[in-house]
């Protein structure tokens, strides 16, 4: 939450401070999403896929990243925006992704919001000034599918196995594809393939004012490194005209590059409408992201030591307005209780000093949207995590 407050207030800082604030916001954003799960789900909640078209050669693309980060930090979006940066013409370009980008013939830095058609420009990839408007629009749309991500990752072999599961929430008409991006955050490198051309070097008040032109060592956020379902997704997995509760799954394999830390990678899975002849009718029905974590998708990927926490109960579960947390703390300890959403962001927390014996407390849920969450109880040397479903 600190990241959100800093970024929203960024316009109130001096131009010199803005670069420092922006750099700090990047660090906080990465820290805030460090927690990850091997098994995540949208439930019945709608998430919005924001695809930013960008390139290091594009002089206005630094502002595209700024707008993307502002949208991610905007509390009105309820942490339900999944962001991916699609690079073209630089060292981070992916041919299969470029095929999709070229189909929409974007100007730069244009981007797609659930690949819906902008009614003003009549284009799918729209100017950054329209992104928030269409994010707001899509957040209000009923999700056609529940999207689940289950993944296994071996940090010795770097082998990643991802299963994307799609469940039709209501009866759907037509054909649909499953797809999956592998995304790396905070990418840097040397040379023109990574150094970012910057039209804002002399624009006082912009976050990249006096950052250089080009910006050497530019930190590229949410970079798509692969698309496991090809340019348009995997066909033939989801049945034509899928009925309500029809459930379908596709498993992909990928090996992470051996030179980077797995914690910088995330999986972005989504379901799109499949129209073989009309690219403007390939809307994203729902999307979800999960941070890559060693372990199995059959277990919660949180390092847990439960030496002095026992008999934990979370009720009611599912919950709506309030959830009660009970347990036994076998040695005196300060206790932190946090609620984390399905993409690893802490959305609520409380601290209780010097607990010994019974733990009896509650957490208010009125401000949280429906979906899958995780409650983590942390003591001085132990941690216990339980799943929580919020119904709205």
Protein backbone atom coordinates (compact mmCIF):
# COMPACT_ATOMS: atom_id res chain seq x y z
CA UNK A 1 0.00 0.00 0.00
CA UNK A 2 2.96 2.33 0.54
CA UNK A 3 3.73 2.05 -3.17
CA UNK A 4 0.23 3.17 -4.07
CA UNK A 5 0.40 6.28 -1.89
CA UNK A 6 3.80 7.31 -3.17
CA UNK A 7 2.87 6.94 -6.82
CA UNK A 8 -0.45 8.72 -6.56
CA UNK A 9 1.21 11.70 -4.89
CA UNK A 10 4.09 11.75 -7.34
CA UNK A 11 2.83 14.89 -9.06
CA UNK A 12 3.26 16.85 -5.82
CA UNK A 13 7.01 16.29 -5.60
CA UNK A 14 9.70 18.38 -7.17
CA UNK A 15 11.09 17.33 -10.51
CA UNK A 16 14.34 16.20 -8.90
CA UNK A 17 12.52 14.14 -6.27
CA UNK A 18 10.27 12.52 -8.84
CA UNK A 19 12.99 10.25 -10.21
CA UNK A 20 13.83 9.11 -6.67
CA UNK A 21 10.19 8.53 -5.86
CA UNK A 22 9.66 6.58 -9.07
CA UNK A 23 12.67 4.38 -8.36
CA UNK A 24 11.44 3.79 -4.81
CA UNK A 25 7.97 2.96 -6.08
CA UNK A 26 9.43 0.27 -8.35
CA UNK A 27 11.26 -1.30 -5.45
CA UNK A 28 8.18 -1.22 -3.24
CA UNK A 29 6.03 -2.65 -5.99
CA UNK A 30 8.37 -5.61 -6.36
CA UNK A 31 8.54 -6.06 -2.58
CA UNK A 32 4.77 -5.90 -2.22
CA UNK A 33 4.22 -8.74 -4.64
CA UNK A 34 7.01 -10.99 -3.40
CA UNK A 35 4.58 -13.45 -1.80
CA UNK A 36 3.34 -15.99 -4.30
CA UNK A 37 1.05 -18.99 -4.65
CA UNK A 38 1.30 -22.09 -6.83
CA UNK A 39 -2.46 -22.34 -7.09
CA UNK A 40 -4.49 -19.17 -7.73
CA UNK A 41 -7.95 -18.47 -9.11
CA UNK A 42 -10.10 -15.57 -10.20
CA UNK A 43 -13.10 -17.24 -8.64
CA UNK A 44 -16.12 -15.33 -9.88
CA UNK A 45 -14.22 -12.00 -9.91
CA UNK A 46 -13.39 -10.14 -13.12
CA UNK A 47 -9.74 -9.23 -13.70
CA UNK A 48 -8.61 -6.96 -16.55
CA UNK A 49 -5.64 -7.65 -18.83
CA UNK A 50 -3.67 -4.51 -19.74
CA UNK A 51 -1.19 -5.12 -22.58
CA UNK A 52 1.23 -2.24 -23.13
CA UNK A 53 2.86 -2.05 -26.57
CA UNK A 54 6.39 -0.71 -26.14
CA UNK A 55 9.97 -0.69 -27.44
CA UNK A 56 13.30 0.81 -26.44
CA UNK A 57 13.42 2.74 -29.72
CA UNK A 58 10.10 4.47 -28.96
CA UNK A 59 10.73 7.92 -27.49
CA UNK A 60 7.30 8.24 -25.86
CA UNK A 61 7.19 4.71 -24.43
CA UNK A 62 8.61 5.70 -21.02
CA UNK A 63 5.30 7.46 -20.46
CA UNK A 64 3.43 4.28 -21.35
CA UNK A 65 5.19 2.54 -18.48
CA UNK A 66 4.34 5.44 -16.16
CA UNK A 67 0.64 5.21 -17.06
CA UNK A 68 0.68 1.43 -16.65
CA UNK A 69 2.21 1.74 -13.17
CA UNK A 70 -0.28 4.44 -12.19
CA UNK A 71 -3.15 2.14 -13.17
CA UNK A 72 -1.68 -0.69 -11.11
CA UNK A 73 -1.36 1.66 -8.13
CA UNK A 74 -4.85 3.14 -8.45
CA UNK A 75 -6.94 1.86 -5.54
CA UNK A 76 -10.10 2.32 -7.60
CA UNK A 77 -8.93 -0.63 -9.70
CA UNK A 78 -9.06 -2.89 -6.62
CA UNK A 79 -5.85 -4.76 -7.48
CA UNK A 80 -7.68 -6.43 -10.36
CA UNK A 81 -5.49 -5.29 -13.26
CA UNK A 82 -3.00 -7.76 -14.76
CA UNK A 83 -0.25 -5.88 -16.63
CA UNK A 84 2.03 -7.15 -19.41
CA UNK A 85 4.49 -5.13 -21.51
CA UNK A 86 4.75 -6.39 -25.10
CA UNK A 87 8.05 -5.36 -26.68
CA UNK A 88 8.64 -4.94 -30.40
CA UNK A 89 11.85 -4.15 -32.25
CA UNK A 90 14.26 -4.53 -29.33
CA UNK A 91 16.15 -7.22 -27.40
CA UNK A 92 13.00 -8.20 -25.47
CA UNK A 93 10.79 -8.81 -28.53
CA UNK A 94 9.09 -12.20 -28.93
CA UNK A 95 8.15 -13.14 -32.54
CA UNK A 96 4.82 -14.79 -31.67
CA UNK A 97 3.81 -11.75 -29.64
CA UNK A 98 4.88 -9.39 -32.42
CA UNK A 99 2.51 -11.22 -34.79
CA UNK A 100 -0.35 -10.33 -32.50
CA UNK A 101 0.84 -6.72 -32.10
CA UNK A 102 1.27 -6.26 -35.85
CA UNK A 103 -2.29 -7.45 -36.42
CA UNK A 104 -3.56 -4.51 -34.40
CA UNK A 105 -1.10 -2.04 -36.04
CA UNK A 106 -0.65 0.10 -32.95
CA UNK A 107 0.91 3.47 -32.71
CA UNK A 108 3.33 3.65 -29.81
CA UNK A 109 2.92 3.39 -26.87
CA UNK A 110 -0.59 2.09 -27.51
CA UNK A 111 -2.01 -0.82 -25.57
CA UNK A 112 -4.93 -3.18 -25.28
CA UNK A 113 -7.43 -3.42 -22.43
CA UNK A 114 -8.96 -6.91 -22.56
CA UNK A 115 -8.52 -6.47 -26.34
CA UNK A 116 -11.85 -4.66 -26.52
CA UNK A 117 -12.46 -2.25 -29.38
CA UNK A 118 -12.02 1.45 -28.63
CA UNK A 119 -15.21 2.97 -30.00
CA UNK A 120 -13.56 6.33 -30.70
CA UNK A 121 -10.47 5.16 -32.60
CA UNK A 122 -12.03 1.90 -33.82
CA UNK A 123 -8.81 0.15 -32.78
CA UNK A 124 -8.07 -2.55 -30.23
CA UNK A 125 -4.71 -1.08 -29.24
CA UNK A 126 -5.59 2.40 -28.01
CA UNK A 127 -3.70 5.45 -26.76
CA UNK A 128 -2.54 5.45 -23.14
CA UNK A 129 -4.96 8.27 -22.35
CA UNK A 130 -7.83 5.81 -22.79
CA UNK A 131 -6.46 2.91 -20.77
CA UNK A 132 -7.98 3.84 -17.41
CA UNK A 133 -11.39 4.54 -18.97
CA UNK A 134 -11.49 1.07 -20.51
CA UNK A 135 -10.06 -0.58 -17.39
CA UNK A 136 -12.97 0.90 -15.43
CA UNK A 137 -15.39 -0.29 -18.08
CA UNK A 138 -14.02 -3.85 -18.11
CA UNK A 139 -13.90 -4.15 -14.32
CA UNK A 140 -17.68 -3.79 -14.37
CA UNK A 141 -18.17 -6.57 -16.95
CA UNK A 142 -19.35 -9.96 -15.70
CA UNK A 143 -16.55 -12.51 -16.21
CA UNK A 144 -17.39 -15.24 -18.68
CA UNK A 145 -14.84 -17.64 -17.22
CA UNK A 146 -13.10 -18.49 -14.01
CA UNK A 147 -9.36 -18.78 -14.68
CA UNK A 148 -7.13 -20.92 -12.43
CA UNK A 149 -3.34 -21.24 -12.53
CA UNK A 150 -1.63 -24.28 -11.04
CA UNK A 151 2.12 -24.50 -11.47
CA UNK A 152 5.11 -26.59 -10.44
CA UNK A 153 8.60 -25.11 -10.49
CA UNK A 154 11.95 -26.83 -9.88
CA UNK A 155 14.61 -24.24 -9.10
CA UNK A 156 17.40 -26.74 -9.78
CA UNK A 157 16.38 -27.63 -13.33
CA UNK A 158 14.51 -24.31 -13.91
CA UNK A 159 11.63 -26.40 -15.30
CA UNK A 160 8.22 -24.77 -15.03
CA UNK A 161 4.96 -26.63 -15.63
CA UNK A 162 1.79 -24.54 -15.83
CA UNK A 163 -1.76 -25.81 -15.96
CA UNK A 164 -4.36 -23.23 -16.93
CA UNK A 165 -7.90 -24.20 -16.07
CA UNK A 166 -10.94 -22.38 -17.48
CA UNK A 167 -14.45 -22.81 -16.11
CA UNK A 168 -17.41 -21.23 -17.90
CA UNK A 169 -19.34 -19.28 -15.26
CA UNK A 170 -22.38 -19.06 -17.51
CA UNK A 171 -23.23 -20.67 -20.84
CA UNK A 172 -21.04 -19.10 -23.54
CA UNK A 173 -21.51 -18.84 -27.29
CA UNK A 174 -18.75 -19.43 -29.81
CA UNK A 175 -15.14 -20.57 -29.59
CA UNK A 176 -12.56 -19.65 -26.95
CA UNK A 177 -8.82 -20.08 -26.53
CA UNK A 178 -6.55 -20.46 -23.51
CA UNK A 179 -3.24 -18.60 -23.47
CA UNK A 180 -0.38 -17.97 -21.06
CA UNK A 181 2.38 -15.36 -20.91
CA UNK A 182 5.63 -15.82 -19.02
CA UNK A 183 6.47 -12.36 -17.70
CA UNK A 184 9.71 -11.08 -16.18
CA UNK A 185 9.72 -7.95 -14.07
CA UNK A 186 12.43 -5.31 -13.67
CA UNK A 187 14.46 -6.25 -16.74
CA UNK A 188 17.68 -4.36 -17.43
CA UNK A 189 20.51 -4.85 -19.89
CA UNK A 190 23.21 -3.11 -21.89
CA UNK A 191 23.14 -1.62 -25.34
CA UNK A 192 20.44 -0.21 -27.59
CA UNK A 193 18.26 -3.28 -27.11
CA UNK A 194 17.70 -2.31 -23.47
CA UNK A 195 18.58 1.40 -23.11
CA UNK A 196 15.36 3.38 -23.45
CA UNK A 197 14.99 6.39 -25.76
CA UNK A 198 13.40 9.13 -23.68
CA UNK A 199 11.47 12.10 -25.08
CA UNK A 200 10.87 13.36 -21.52
CA UNK A 201 14.48 14.03 -20.58
CA UNK A 202 13.84 17.79 -20.78
CA UNK A 203 10.21 17.71 -19.62
CA UNK A 204 10.15 19.14 -16.11
CA UNK A 205 7.72 17.34 -13.85
CA UNK A 206 7.82 14.02 -15.67
CA UNK A 207 9.13 10.99 -13.71
CA UNK A 208 11.87 10.54 -16.34
CA UNK A 209 12.93 14.20 -16.42
CA UNK A 210 16.75 14.35 -16.60
CA UNK A 211 16.97 10.57 -16.54
CA UNK A 212 18.99 10.64 -19.77
CA UNK A 213 18.27 10.11 -23.44
CA UNK A 214 18.65 7.25 -23.83
CA UNK A 215 18.10 6.05 -20.28
CA UNK A 216 21.00 3.69 -19.60
CA UNK A 217 20.01 0.81 -17.35
CA UNK A 218 16.29 1.51 -17.74
CA UNK A 219 14.16 -0.82 -15.62
CA UNK A 220 11.56 -2.43 -17.87
CA UNK A 221 8.46 -3.56 -15.97
CA UNK A 222 6.28 -6.65 -16.58
CA UNK A 223 8.07 -7.78 -19.76
CA UNK A 224 6.48 -10.65 -21.70
CA UNK A 225 9.23 -13.23 -22.35
CA UNK A 226 7.11 -15.95 -23.97
CA UNK A 227 3.56 -16.74 -25.00
CA UNK A 228 3.00 -20.44 -24.40
CA UNK A 229 -0.17 -20.61 -26.46
CA UNK A 230 1.30 -18.82 -29.48
CA UNK A 231 0.07 -15.54 -30.90
CA UNK A 232 -3.64 -16.14 -30.28
CA UNK A 233 -3.84 -18.95 -27.75
CA UNK A 234 -4.38 -22.69 -27.83
CA UNK A 235 -7.42 -23.76 -29.83
CA UNK A 236 -9.50 -26.87 -29.33
CA UNK A 237 -9.20 -27.05 -25.55
CA UNK A 238 -12.43 -25.26 -24.69
CA UNK A 239 -15.49 -26.79 -26.31
CA UNK A 240 -17.50 -24.74 -28.78
CA UNK A 241 -20.45 -23.10 -27.01
CA UNK A 242 -19.22 -24.18 -23.57
CA UNK A 243 -22.05 -24.78 -21.09
CA UNK A 244 -22.22 -23.26 -17.63
CA UNK A 245 -19.69 -24.99 -15.33
CA UNK A 246 -17.92 -26.59 -18.28
CA UNK A 247 -14.30 -26.92 -17.15
CA UNK A 248 -11.26 -27.21 -19.43
CA UNK A 249 -7.51 -27.31 -18.87
CA UNK A 250 -4.26 -26.94 -20.79
CA UNK A 251 -0.79 -27.75 -19.49
CA UNK A 252 2.32 -25.94 -20.76
CA UNK A 253 6.03 -26.45 -20.12
CA UNK A 254 8.74 -23.79 -20.08
CA UNK A 255 12.31 -23.50 -18.83
CA UNK A 256 13.23 -20.25 -17.12
CA UNK A 257 16.50 -18.62 -18.26
CA UNK A 258 19.33 -19.70 -16.00
CA UNK A 259 20.73 -16.22 -15.40
CA UNK A 260 17.82 -14.64 -13.55
CA UNK A 261 16.07 -15.19 -10.24
CA UNK A 262 12.76 -17.05 -10.46
CA UNK A 263 11.16 -14.48 -8.14
CA UNK A 264 11.21 -11.95 -10.99
CA UNK A 265 8.89 -14.11 -13.09
CA UNK A 266 5.14 -14.43 -13.11
CA UNK A 267 2.60 -16.41 -15.08
CA UNK A 268 -0.28 -14.57 -16.76
CA UNK A 269 -3.10 -16.82 -17.96
CA UNK A 270 -6.23 -15.72 -19.81
CA UNK A 271 -9.17 -16.87 -21.90
CA UNK A 272 -9.97 -15.08 -25.16
CA UNK A 273 -12.80 -15.19 -27.62
CA UNK A 274 -11.61 -17.01 -30.75
CA UNK A 275 -12.75 -15.48 -34.00
CA UNK A 276 -10.63 -16.81 -36.84
CA UNK A 277 -11.59 -14.06 -39.28
CA UNK A 278 -12.13 -10.95 -37.14
CA UNK A 279 -9.19 -9.89 -34.91
CA UNK A 280 -11.34 -7.15 -33.37
CA UNK A 281 -13.54 -9.88 -31.90
CA UNK A 282 -10.94 -11.62 -29.74
CA UNK A 283 -11.89 -10.15 -26.39
CA UNK A 284 -10.25 -11.38 -23.19
CA UNK A 285 -12.97 -12.86 -21.00
CA UNK A 286 -10.89 -13.10 -17.82
CA UNK A 287 -7.26 -13.25 -16.71
CA UNK A 288 -5.15 -14.14 -13.69
CA UNK A 289 -1.50 -13.94 -12.66
CA UNK A 290 0.69 -15.94 -10.28
CA UNK A 291 4.28 -15.37 -9.22
CA UNK A 292 6.60 -18.30 -9.97
CA UNK A 293 7.36 -20.19 -6.77
CA UNK A 294 9.28 -23.41 -6.18
CA UNK A 295 7.08 -26.32 -5.24
CA UNK A 296 3.93 -28.05 -6.33
CA UNK A 297 0.61 -26.63 -7.46
CA UNK A 298 -1.07 -29.07 -5.10
CA UNK A 299 0.21 -27.19 -2.05
CA UNK A 300 0.34 -23.58 -0.94
CA UNK A 301 3.69 -22.10 -1.93
CA UNK A 302 4.49 -20.29 1.29
CA UNK A 303 7.43 -21.29 3.44
CA UNK A 304 5.73 -22.36 6.66
CA UNK A 305 7.21 -23.17 10.03
CA UNK A 306 4.50 -23.95 12.55
CA UNK A 307 6.52 -24.48 15.74
CA UNK A 308 4.35 -22.35 18.01
CA UNK A 309 1.07 -21.95 16.07
CA UNK A 310 -1.55 -24.68 16.33
CA UNK A 311 -5.27 -25.38 16.08
CA UNK A 312 -5.86 -22.54 13.62
CA UNK A 313 -9.45 -22.03 12.49
CA UNK A 314 -10.75 -19.46 10.02
CA UNK A 315 -14.52 -18.95 10.04
CA UNK A 316 -16.86 -18.40 8.41
CA UNK A 317 -15.22 -19.53 5.21
CA UNK A 318 -16.51 -18.45 2.71
CA UNK A 319 -17.01 -15.10 4.44
CA UNK A 320 -18.48 -11.77 3.44
CA UNK A 321 -18.28 -8.97 6.04
CA UNK A 322 -15.99 -10.36 8.76
CA UNK A 323 -13.76 -13.37 9.37
CA UNK A 324 -12.71 -14.73 12.77
CA UNK A 325 -9.20 -16.07 13.31
CA UNK A 326 -8.61 -18.44 16.22
CA UNK A 327 -5.61 -20.50 17.25
CA UNK A 328 -3.16 -21.41 19.97
CA UNK A 329 0.18 -19.57 20.37
CA UNK A 330 2.31 -21.87 22.50
CA UNK A 331 4.92 -19.26 23.49
CA UNK A 332 4.58 -15.53 24.07
CA UNK A 333 4.99 -13.68 20.79
CA UNK A 334 3.87 -10.65 18.84
CA UNK A 335 1.42 -11.76 16.14
CA UNK A 336 0.86 -10.29 12.69
CA UNK A 337 -2.21 -11.31 10.71
CA UNK A 338 -2.34 -10.37 7.03
CA UNK A 339 -4.78 -10.98 4.21
CA UNK A 340 -3.18 -11.42 0.79
CA UNK A 341 -4.98 -11.49 -2.53
CA UNK A 342 -4.41 -14.09 -5.23
CA UNK A 343 -1.55 -12.16 -6.85
CA UNK A 344 0.41 -11.74 -3.63
CA UNK A 345 -0.58 -8.22 -2.56
CA UNK A 346 -1.31 -7.59 1.12
CA UNK A 347 -4.77 -5.99 1.27
CA UNK A 348 -5.36 -5.97 5.05
CA UNK A 349 -3.24 -6.52 8.15
CA UNK A 350 -3.26 -6.16 11.93
CA UNK A 351 -0.70 -6.60 14.71
CA UNK A 352 -1.34 -7.96 18.20
CA UNK A 353 1.29 -7.62 20.93
CA UNK A 354 2.44 -10.37 23.27
CA UNK A 355 -0.02 -13.16 22.64
CA UNK A 356 0.28 -16.31 24.72
CA UNK A 357 -2.27 -19.11 24.66
CA UNK A 358 -5.51 -18.49 22.79
CA UNK A 359 -5.59 -16.21 19.77
CA UNK A 360 -9.07 -14.79 19.20
CA UNK A 361 -9.45 -11.94 16.75
CA UNK A 362 -11.32 -10.88 13.63
CA UNK A 363 -10.66 -9.06 10.34
CA UNK A 364 -13.10 -6.78 8.57
CA UNK A 365 -13.74 -7.63 4.89
CA UNK A 366 -16.25 -5.01 3.75
CA UNK A 367 -13.77 -3.21 1.47
CA UNK A 368 -12.50 -6.36 -0.27
CA UNK A 369 -14.00 -7.70 -3.47
CA UNK A 370 -15.10 -11.30 -3.84
CA UNK A 371 -12.52 -13.93 -4.70
CA UNK A 372 -9.71 -16.09 -3.34
CA UNK A 373 -7.47 -14.74 -0.56
CA UNK A 374 -4.93 -16.06 1.93
CA UNK A 375 -4.75 -15.32 5.67
CA UNK A 376 -1.25 -15.58 7.12
CA UNK A 377 -0.53 -15.67 10.88
CA UNK A 378 3.08 -14.79 11.66
CA UNK A 379 4.77 -14.99 15.07
CA UNK A 380 8.39 -14.37 16.07
CA UNK A 381 9.57 -17.63 14.50
CA UNK A 382 6.56 -19.27 12.87
CA UNK A 383 4.08 -18.80 10.04
CA UNK A 384 0.78 -20.41 9.12
CA UNK A 385 -1.29 -19.66 6.01
CA UNK A 386 -4.91 -20.63 5.27
CA UNK A 387 -7.11 -20.03 2.23
CA UNK A 388 -10.07 -17.67 2.50
CA UNK A 389 -12.91 -17.19 0.03
CA UNK A 390 -14.87 -13.93 0.10
CA UNK A 391 -18.35 -14.06 -1.42
CA UNK A 392 -20.02 -10.95 -2.75
